[in-house]
């Protein structure tokens, strides 16, 4: 029962993909079977693996920065209700700014290469993680604080045993959102200002209209993102 629904969803997506391929043809899509064969061939190609390592390295650094900075900002702002109410509209306004407009500034500061990709990926994930962490602290029920006072817990014990546990599910939700956006930002950074990585290969394939390669790289990214999101979702449900 646990695995039936995901497998059914995958089967429906594959069937829809195949039907869309039959309708559009090779001009706009690659068939599922051919895409899987191309992915297998790419993963076995020694020239492709350095691009995967480059993207994973850039994304890991960007996500670590976004996670640490986002949690620090969110938990700090959420600890004070007045500060949170003032900061929330500012963070939302920053989140609404198209990040592509900031990329020329990032290139000027960091140059073309790994630092620019990491910075561009990190700025995509910091704000959503901050917002979720801040609201997680602000939305904690007052009964938890009263319970801590009744039990005569110290501030450190209150934060670790009650506040953090109560806020953790919503914080994990923010981490899931931040993960996805950081991955998008890292790939965008590779597409517009890098010489290696999956984003660079994707941009190169798009310029040459290599549809099979586009679909293969996209499938690799989708499987990776879906796998990590499934783990984070399972963790979130376990914490609820």
C-alpha atoms as a PDB file:
ATOM      1  CA  UNK A   1       0.000   0.000   0.000  1.00  0.00           C
ATOM      2  CA  UNK A   2       2.848   2.381   0.813  1.00  0.00           C
ATOM      3  CA  UNK A   3       4.566   1.914  -2.548  1.00  0.00           C
ATOM      4  CA  UNK A   4       1.502   1.470  -4.748  1.00  0.00           C
ATOM      5  CA  UNK A   5       0.624   5.155  -5.110  1.00  0.00           C
ATOM      6  CA  UNK A   6       4.152   6.357  -6.026  1.00  0.00           C
ATOM      7  CA  UNK A   7       4.550   3.545  -8.551  1.00  0.00           C
ATOM      8  CA  UNK A   8       1.148   4.353 -10.028  1.00  0.00           C
ATOM      9  CA  UNK A   9       2.112   8.032 -10.302  1.00  0.00           C
ATOM     10  CA  UNK A  10       5.385   7.137 -12.047  1.00  0.00           C
ATOM     11  CA  UNK A  11       3.496   4.886 -14.470  1.00  0.00           C
ATOM     12  CA  UNK A  12       1.019   7.680 -15.255  1.00  0.00           C
ATOM     13  CA  UNK A  13       3.837  10.173 -15.835  1.00  0.00           C
ATOM     14  CA  UNK A  14       5.676   7.771 -18.145  1.00  0.00           C
ATOM     15  CA  UNK A  15       2.474   7.061 -20.071  1.00  0.00           C
ATOM     16  CA  UNK A  16       1.785  10.784 -20.415  1.00  0.00           C
ATOM     17  CA  UNK A  17       5.375  11.352 -21.529  1.00  0.00           C
ATOM     18  CA  UNK A  18       5.064   8.626 -24.177  1.00  0.00           C
ATOM     19  CA  UNK A  19       1.736   9.994 -25.449  1.00  0.00           C
ATOM     20  CA  UNK A  20       3.165  13.509 -25.642  1.00  0.00           C
ATOM     21  CA  UNK A  21       6.168  12.161 -27.545  1.00  0.00           C
ATOM     22  CA  UNK A  22       3.869  10.434 -30.046  1.00  0.00           C
ATOM     23  CA  UNK A  23       2.012  13.704 -30.544  1.00  0.00           C
ATOM     24  CA  UNK A  24       5.059  15.996 -30.802  1.00  0.00           C
ATOM     25  CA  UNK A  25       7.728  13.728 -32.264  1.00  0.00           C
ATOM     26  CA  UNK A  26      11.519  13.989 -32.160  1.00  0.00           C
ATOM     27  CA  UNK A  27      11.436  17.722 -32.806  1.00  0.00           C
ATOM     28  CA  UNK A  28      10.199  18.597 -29.324  1.00  0.00           C
ATOM     29  CA  UNK A  29      10.794  15.497 -27.173  1.00  0.00           C
ATOM     30  CA  UNK A  30      12.682  12.268 -26.756  1.00  0.00           C
ATOM     31  CA  UNK A  31      10.871   9.038 -25.926  1.00  0.00           C
ATOM     32  CA  UNK A  32      11.172   7.630 -22.379  1.00  0.00           C
ATOM     33  CA  UNK A  33      12.976   4.478 -23.476  1.00  0.00           C
ATOM     34  CA  UNK A  34      15.497   6.371 -25.600  1.00  0.00           C
ATOM     35  CA  UNK A  35      16.074   8.898 -22.820  1.00  0.00           C
ATOM     36  CA  UNK A  36      16.814   6.139 -20.305  1.00  0.00           C
ATOM     37  CA  UNK A  37      19.281   4.558 -22.746  1.00  0.00           C
ATOM     38  CA  UNK A  38      20.978   7.917 -23.254  1.00  0.00           C
ATOM     39  CA  UNK A  39      21.221   8.464 -19.499  1.00  0.00           C
ATOM     40  CA  UNK A  40      22.833   5.062 -19.086  1.00  0.00           C
ATOM     41  CA  UNK A  41      25.316   5.865 -21.841  1.00  0.00           C
ATOM     42  CA  UNK A  42      26.103   9.283 -20.348  1.00  0.00           C
ATOM     43  CA  UNK A  43      26.697   7.898 -16.873  1.00  0.00           C
ATOM     44  CA  UNK A  44      29.131   5.416 -18.379  1.00  0.00           C
ATOM     45  CA  UNK A  45      31.007   8.166 -20.234  1.00  0.00           C
ATOM     46  CA  UNK A  46      34.121   9.327 -18.368  1.00  0.00           C
ATOM     47  CA  UNK A  47      33.761  12.804 -19.886  1.00  0.00           C
ATOM     48  CA  UNK A  48      30.330  13.267 -18.287  1.00  0.00           C
ATOM     49  CA  UNK A  49      31.236  12.412 -14.682  1.00  0.00           C
ATOM     50  CA  UNK A  50      33.386  15.546 -14.039  1.00  0.00           C
ATOM     51  CA  UNK A  51      30.355  17.688 -14.918  1.00  0.00           C
ATOM     52  CA  UNK A  52      28.244  15.830 -12.338  1.00  0.00           C
ATOM     53  CA  UNK A  53      30.942  16.279  -9.706  1.00  0.00           C
ATOM     54  CA  UNK A  54      31.193  19.986 -10.532  1.00  0.00           C
ATOM     55  CA  UNK A  55      27.453  20.514 -10.122  1.00  0.00           C
ATOM     56  CA  UNK A  56      27.264  18.450  -6.919  1.00  0.00           C
ATOM     57  CA  UNK A  57      30.207  20.339  -5.415  1.00  0.00           C
ATOM     58  CA  UNK A  58      28.728  23.745  -6.259  1.00  0.00           C
ATOM     59  CA  UNK A  59      25.263  22.757  -5.069  1.00  0.00           C
ATOM     60  CA  UNK A  60      26.532  21.231  -1.806  1.00  0.00           C
ATOM     61  CA  UNK A  61      28.418  24.398  -0.917  1.00  0.00           C
ATOM     62  CA  UNK A  62      25.507  26.647  -1.905  1.00  0.00           C
ATOM     63  CA  UNK A  63      22.980  24.602   0.061  1.00  0.00           C
ATOM     64  CA  UNK A  64      25.224  24.488   3.142  1.00  0.00           C
ATOM     65  CA  UNK A  65      25.532  28.293   3.059  1.00  0.00           C
ATOM     66  CA  UNK A  66      21.792  28.767   2.457  1.00  0.00           C
ATOM     67  CA  UNK A  67      20.921  26.343   5.267  1.00  0.00           C
ATOM     68  CA  UNK A  68      23.269  27.862   7.847  1.00  0.00           C
ATOM     69  CA  UNK A  69      22.484  31.494   6.984  1.00  0.00           C
ATOM     70  CA  UNK A  70      18.755  30.873   6.569  1.00  0.00           C
ATOM     71  CA  UNK A  71      18.378  29.112   9.913  1.00  0.00           C
ATOM     72  CA  UNK A  72      20.483  31.724  11.697  1.00  0.00           C
ATOM     73  CA  UNK A  73      18.436  34.604  10.257  1.00  0.00           C
ATOM     74  CA  UNK A  74      15.068  32.886  10.703  1.00  0.00           C
ATOM     75  CA  UNK A  75      15.584  31.663  14.261  1.00  0.00           C
ATOM     76  CA  UNK A  76      17.039  35.007  15.341  1.00  0.00           C
ATOM     77  CA  UNK A  77      14.178  37.019  13.863  1.00  0.00           C
ATOM     78  CA  UNK A  78      11.540  34.573  15.084  1.00  0.00           C
ATOM     79  CA  UNK A  79      12.736  34.855  18.687  1.00  0.00           C
ATOM     80  CA  UNK A  80      11.328  38.392  18.839  1.00  0.00           C
ATOM     81  CA  UNK A  81       7.747  38.904  17.677  1.00  0.00           C
ATOM     82  CA  UNK A  82       8.259  42.603  16.898  1.00  0.00           C
ATOM     83  CA  UNK A  83      11.434  41.948  14.931  1.00  0.00           C
ATOM     84  CA  UNK A  84       9.735  39.149  13.008  1.00  0.00           C
ATOM     85  CA  UNK A  85       6.764  41.315  12.083  1.00  0.00           C
ATOM     86  CA  UNK A  86       9.089  44.029  10.791  1.00  0.00           C
ATOM     87  CA  UNK A  87      11.435  41.658   8.961  1.00  0.00           C
ATOM     88  CA  UNK A  88       8.855  39.418   7.274  1.00  0.00           C
ATOM     89  CA  UNK A  89       7.661  41.937   4.620  1.00  0.00           C
ATOM     90  CA  UNK A  90      11.290  42.835   3.915  1.00  0.00           C
ATOM     91  CA  UNK A  91      12.205  39.173   3.357  1.00  0.00           C
ATOM     92  CA  UNK A  92       9.126  38.642   1.173  1.00  0.00           C
ATOM     93  CA  UNK A  93      10.079  41.688  -0.907  1.00  0.00           C
ATOM     94  CA  UNK A  94      13.612  40.340  -1.322  1.00  0.00           C
ATOM     95  CA  UNK A  95      12.221  36.931  -2.270  1.00  0.00           C
ATOM     96  CA  UNK A  96      10.053  38.488  -4.993  1.00  0.00           C
ATOM     97  CA  UNK A  97      13.043  40.105  -6.742  1.00  0.00           C
ATOM     98  CA  UNK A  98      14.003  38.110  -9.882  1.00  0.00           C
ATOM     99  CA  UNK A  99      17.375  36.681  -8.953  1.00  0.00           C
ATOM    100  CA  UNK A 100      18.560  36.790 -12.583  1.00  0.00           C
ATOM    101  CA  UNK A 101      18.792  40.576 -12.283  1.00  0.00           C
ATOM    102  CA  UNK A 102      21.419  40.108  -9.561  1.00  0.00           C
ATOM    103  CA  UNK A 103      23.606  37.790 -11.620  1.00  0.00           C
ATOM    104  CA  UNK A 104      25.672  40.549 -13.308  1.00  0.00           C
ATOM    105  CA  UNK A 105      26.526  41.913  -9.854  1.00  0.00           C
ATOM    106  CA  UNK A 106      27.512  38.430  -8.675  1.00  0.00           C
ATOM    107  CA  UNK A 107      29.748  37.985 -11.709  1.00  0.00           C
ATOM    108  CA  UNK A 108      31.446  41.307 -11.009  1.00  0.00           C
ATOM    109  CA  UNK A 109      32.050  40.370  -7.380  1.00  0.00           C
ATOM    110  CA  UNK A 110      32.955  36.678  -7.703  1.00  0.00           C
ATOM    111  CA  UNK A 111      33.953  36.324 -11.348  1.00  0.00           C
ATOM    112  CA  UNK A 112      33.100  33.410 -13.631  1.00  0.00           C
ATOM    113  CA  UNK A 113      33.532  30.033 -11.982  1.00  0.00           C
ATOM    114  CA  UNK A 114      32.692  28.104  -8.834  1.00  0.00           C
ATOM    115  CA  UNK A 115      32.295  31.080  -6.408  1.00  0.00           C
ATOM    116  CA  UNK A 116      29.671  32.722  -8.647  1.00  0.00           C
ATOM    117  CA  UNK A 117      27.671  29.490  -8.959  1.00  0.00           C
ATOM    118  CA  UNK A 118      27.772  28.915  -5.216  1.00  0.00           C
ATOM    119  CA  UNK A 119      26.720  32.485  -4.443  1.00  0.00           C
ATOM    120  CA  UNK A 120      23.900  32.453  -6.994  1.00  0.00           C
ATOM    121  CA  UNK A 121      22.600  29.151  -5.679  1.00  0.00           C
ATOM    122  CA  UNK A 122      22.794  30.278  -2.051  1.00  0.00           C
ATOM    123  CA  UNK A 123      20.806  33.488  -2.556  1.00  0.00           C
ATOM    124  CA  UNK A 124      17.938  31.426  -3.957  1.00  0.00           C
ATOM    125  CA  UNK A 125      17.678  29.280  -0.830  1.00  0.00           C
ATOM    126  CA  UNK A 126      18.439  31.661   2.048  1.00  0.00           C
ATOM    127  CA  UNK A 127      15.187  33.639   2.047  1.00  0.00           C
ATOM    128  CA  UNK A 128      12.672  30.734   1.963  1.00  0.00           C
ATOM    129  CA  UNK A 129      14.564  28.868   4.682  1.00  0.00           C
ATOM    130  CA  UNK A 130      14.629  32.075   6.761  1.00  0.00           C
ATOM    131  CA  UNK A 131      10.897  32.678   6.309  1.00  0.00           C
ATOM    132  CA  UNK A 132       9.893  29.146   7.266  1.00  0.00           C
ATOM    133  CA  UNK A 133      12.233  29.072  10.266  1.00  0.00           C
ATOM    134  CA  UNK A 134      11.022  32.466  11.483  1.00  0.00           C
ATOM    135  CA  UNK A 135       7.360  31.542  11.181  1.00  0.00           C
ATOM    136  CA  UNK A 136       7.994  28.158  12.793  1.00  0.00           C
ATOM    137  CA  UNK A 137       9.259  29.900  15.929  1.00  0.00           C
ATOM    138  CA  UNK A 138       6.530  32.548  15.864  1.00  0.00           C
ATOM    139  CA  UNK A 139       3.742  29.986  15.476  1.00  0.00           C
ATOM    140  CA  UNK A 140       4.711  27.868  18.476  1.00  0.00           C
ATOM    141  CA  UNK A 141       1.674  27.483  20.740  1.00  0.00           C
ATOM    142  CA  UNK A 142       1.929  29.434  24.013  1.00  0.00           C
ATOM    143  CA  UNK A 143       1.033  26.258  25.917  1.00  0.00           C
ATOM    144  CA  UNK A 144       4.545  24.954  25.191  1.00  0.00           C
ATOM    145  CA  UNK A 145       6.103  27.948  26.936  1.00  0.00           C
ATOM    146  CA  UNK A 146       3.751  27.592  29.879  1.00  0.00           C
ATOM    147  CA  UNK A 147       4.674  23.907  30.126  1.00  0.00           C
ATOM    148  CA  UNK A 148       8.361  24.841  30.196  1.00  0.00           C
ATOM    149  CA  UNK A 149       7.727  27.295  33.040  1.00  0.00           C
ATOM    150  CA  UNK A 150       5.740  24.699  34.997  1.00  0.00           C
ATOM    151  CA  UNK A 151       8.572  22.190  34.585  1.00  0.00           C
ATOM    152  CA  UNK A 152      11.067  24.904  35.569  1.00  0.00           C
ATOM    153  CA  UNK A 153      13.240  24.324  32.522  1.00  0.00           C
ATOM    154  CA  UNK A 154      16.196  26.582  31.862  1.00  0.00           C
ATOM    155  CA  UNK A 155      16.203  28.734  28.676  1.00  0.00           C
ATOM    156  CA  UNK A 156      18.621  26.301  27.010  1.00  0.00           C
ATOM    157  CA  UNK A 157      16.464  23.290  27.943  1.00  0.00           C
ATOM    158  CA  UNK A 158      13.329  25.123  26.795  1.00  0.00           C
ATOM    159  CA  UNK A 159      14.894  25.897  23.423  1.00  0.00           C
ATOM    160  CA  UNK A 160      16.286  22.395  22.894  1.00  0.00           C
ATOM    161  CA  UNK A 161      13.566  20.178  24.330  1.00  0.00           C
ATOM    162  CA  UNK A 162      10.395  22.136  23.555  1.00  0.00           C
ATOM    163  CA  UNK A 163      10.770  25.027  21.112  1.00  0.00           C
ATOM    164  CA  UNK A 164      13.039  23.280  18.622  1.00  0.00           C
ATOM    165  CA  UNK A 165      10.986  20.094  18.586  1.00  0.00           C
ATOM    166  CA  UNK A 166       7.753  22.034  18.109  1.00  0.00           C
ATOM    167  CA  UNK A 167       9.191  24.121  15.271  1.00  0.00           C
ATOM    168  CA  UNK A 168      11.193  21.358  13.557  1.00  0.00           C
ATOM    169  CA  UNK A 169       8.508  20.053  11.135  1.00  0.00           C
ATOM    170  CA  UNK A 170       7.939  23.506   9.622  1.00  0.00           C
ATOM    171  CA  UNK A 171      11.680  24.136   9.520  1.00  0.00           C
ATOM    172  CA  UNK A 172      12.158  20.911   7.536  1.00  0.00           C
ATOM    173  CA  UNK A 173       9.463  22.111   5.112  1.00  0.00           C
ATOM    174  CA  UNK A 174      11.485  25.284   4.582  1.00  0.00           C
ATOM    175  CA  UNK A 175      14.609  23.202   4.021  1.00  0.00           C
ATOM    176  CA  UNK A 176      12.762  21.237   1.328  1.00  0.00           C
ATOM    177  CA  UNK A 177      11.779  24.446  -0.452  1.00  0.00           C
ATOM    178  CA  UNK A 178      15.262  25.885  -0.024  1.00  0.00           C
ATOM    179  CA  UNK A 179      16.816  22.707  -1.402  1.00  0.00           C
ATOM    180  CA  UNK A 180      14.819  22.932  -4.635  1.00  0.00           C
ATOM    181  CA  UNK A 181      15.444  26.638  -5.128  1.00  0.00           C
ATOM    182  CA  UNK A 182      19.159  26.324  -4.366  1.00  0.00           C
ATOM    183  CA  UNK A 183      19.448  23.588  -6.978  1.00  0.00           C
ATOM    184  CA  UNK A 184      17.681  25.809  -9.530  1.00  0.00           C
ATOM    185  CA  UNK A 185      19.964  28.723  -8.693  1.00  0.00           C
ATOM    186  CA  UNK A 186      23.094  26.599  -9.018  1.00  0.00           C
ATOM    187  CA  UNK A 187      21.996  25.302 -12.419  1.00  0.00           C
ATOM    188  CA  UNK A 188      21.155  28.813 -13.613  1.00  0.00           C
ATOM    189  CA  UNK A 189      24.595  29.949 -12.512  1.00  0.00           C
ATOM    190  CA  UNK A 190      26.151  27.161 -14.552  1.00  0.00           C
ATOM    191  CA  UNK A 191      24.020  27.962 -17.581  1.00  0.00           C
ATOM    192  CA  UNK A 192      25.064  31.608 -17.799  1.00  0.00           C
ATOM    193  CA  UNK A 193      28.540  31.796 -16.326  1.00  0.00           C
ATOM    194  CA  UNK A 194      30.440  28.496 -16.227  1.00  0.00           C
ATOM    195  CA  UNK A 195      32.530  26.198 -18.360  1.00  0.00           C
ATOM    196  CA  UNK A 196      31.580  22.962 -16.607  1.00  0.00           C
ATOM    197  CA  UNK A 197      28.597  21.387 -14.895  1.00  0.00           C
ATOM    198  CA  UNK A 198      25.183  20.036 -15.829  1.00  0.00           C
ATOM    199  CA  UNK A 199      23.800  23.535 -16.341  1.00  0.00           C
ATOM    200  CA  UNK A 200      26.594  24.274 -18.821  1.00  0.00           C
ATOM    201  CA  UNK A 201      25.900  21.016 -20.678  1.00  0.00           C
ATOM    202  CA  UNK A 202      22.182  21.793 -20.707  1.00  0.00           C
ATOM    203  CA  UNK A 203      22.766  25.258 -22.165  1.00  0.00           C
ATOM    204  CA  UNK A 204      25.133  23.818 -24.740  1.00  0.00           C
ATOM    205  CA  UNK A 205      22.591  21.177 -25.769  1.00  0.00           C
ATOM    206  CA  UNK A 206      19.862  23.816 -26.011  1.00  0.00           C
ATOM    207  CA  UNK A 207      21.977  25.982 -28.301  1.00  0.00           C
ATOM    208  CA  UNK A 208      22.606  22.967 -30.575  1.00  0.00           C
ATOM    209  CA  UNK A 209      18.994  21.729 -30.222  1.00  0.00           C
ATOM    210  CA  UNK A 210      20.152  18.295 -29.079  1.00  0.00           C
ATOM    211  CA  UNK A 211      16.784  17.178 -27.739  1.00  0.00           C
ATOM    212  CA  UNK A 212      17.934  13.740 -26.581  1.00  0.00           C
ATOM    213  CA  UNK A 213      20.745  15.257 -24.519  1.00  0.00           C
ATOM    214  CA  UNK A 214      18.420  17.899 -23.061  1.00  0.00           C
ATOM    215  CA  UNK A 215      15.926  15.256 -21.962  1.00  0.00           C
ATOM    216  CA  UNK A 216      18.661  13.007 -20.547  1.00  0.00           C
ATOM    217  CA  UNK A 217      20.209  15.744 -18.397  1.00  0.00           C
ATOM    218  CA  UNK A 218      16.761  16.853 -17.289  1.00  0.00           C
ATOM    219  CA  UNK A 219      15.876  13.297 -16.259  1.00  0.00           C
ATOM    220  CA  UNK A 220      19.057  13.013 -14.177  1.00  0.00           C
ATOM    221  CA  UNK A 221      18.211  16.258 -12.389  1.00  0.00           C
ATOM    222  CA  UNK A 222      14.581  15.261 -11.810  1.00  0.00           C
ATOM    223  CA  UNK A 223      15.531  11.883 -10.331  1.00  0.00           C
ATOM    224  CA  UNK A 224      18.100  13.494  -8.029  1.00  0.00           C
ATOM    225  CA  UNK A 225      15.704  16.223  -6.842  1.00  0.00           C
ATOM    226  CA  UNK A 226      12.833  13.765  -6.369  1.00  0.00           C
ATOM    227  CA  UNK A 227      14.985  11.347  -4.368  1.00  0.00           C
ATOM    228  CA  UNK A 228      16.265  14.008  -1.960  1.00  0.00           C
ATOM    229  CA  UNK A 229      12.801  15.571  -1.602  1.00  0.00           C
ATOM    230  CA  UNK A 230      11.345  12.140  -0.803  1.00  0.00           C
ATOM    231  CA  UNK A 231      13.883  11.711   2.005  1.00  0.00           C
ATOM    232  CA  UNK A 232      13.137  15.180   3.403  1.00  0.00           C
ATOM    233  CA  UNK A 233       9.386  14.579   3.137  1.00  0.00           C
ATOM    234  CA  UNK A 234       9.712  11.303   5.028  1.00  0.00           C
ATOM    235  CA  UNK A 235      11.726  13.112   7.712  1.00  0.00           C
ATOM    236  CA  UNK A 236       9.098  15.852   7.925  1.00  0.00           C
ATOM    237  CA  UNK A 237       6.268  13.339   8.363  1.00  0.00           C
ATOM    238  CA  UNK A 238       8.250  11.468  10.993  1.00  0.00           C
ATOM    239  CA  UNK A 239       8.656  14.678  12.998  1.00  0.00           C
ATOM    240  CA  UNK A 240       4.973  15.616  12.886  1.00  0.00           C
END
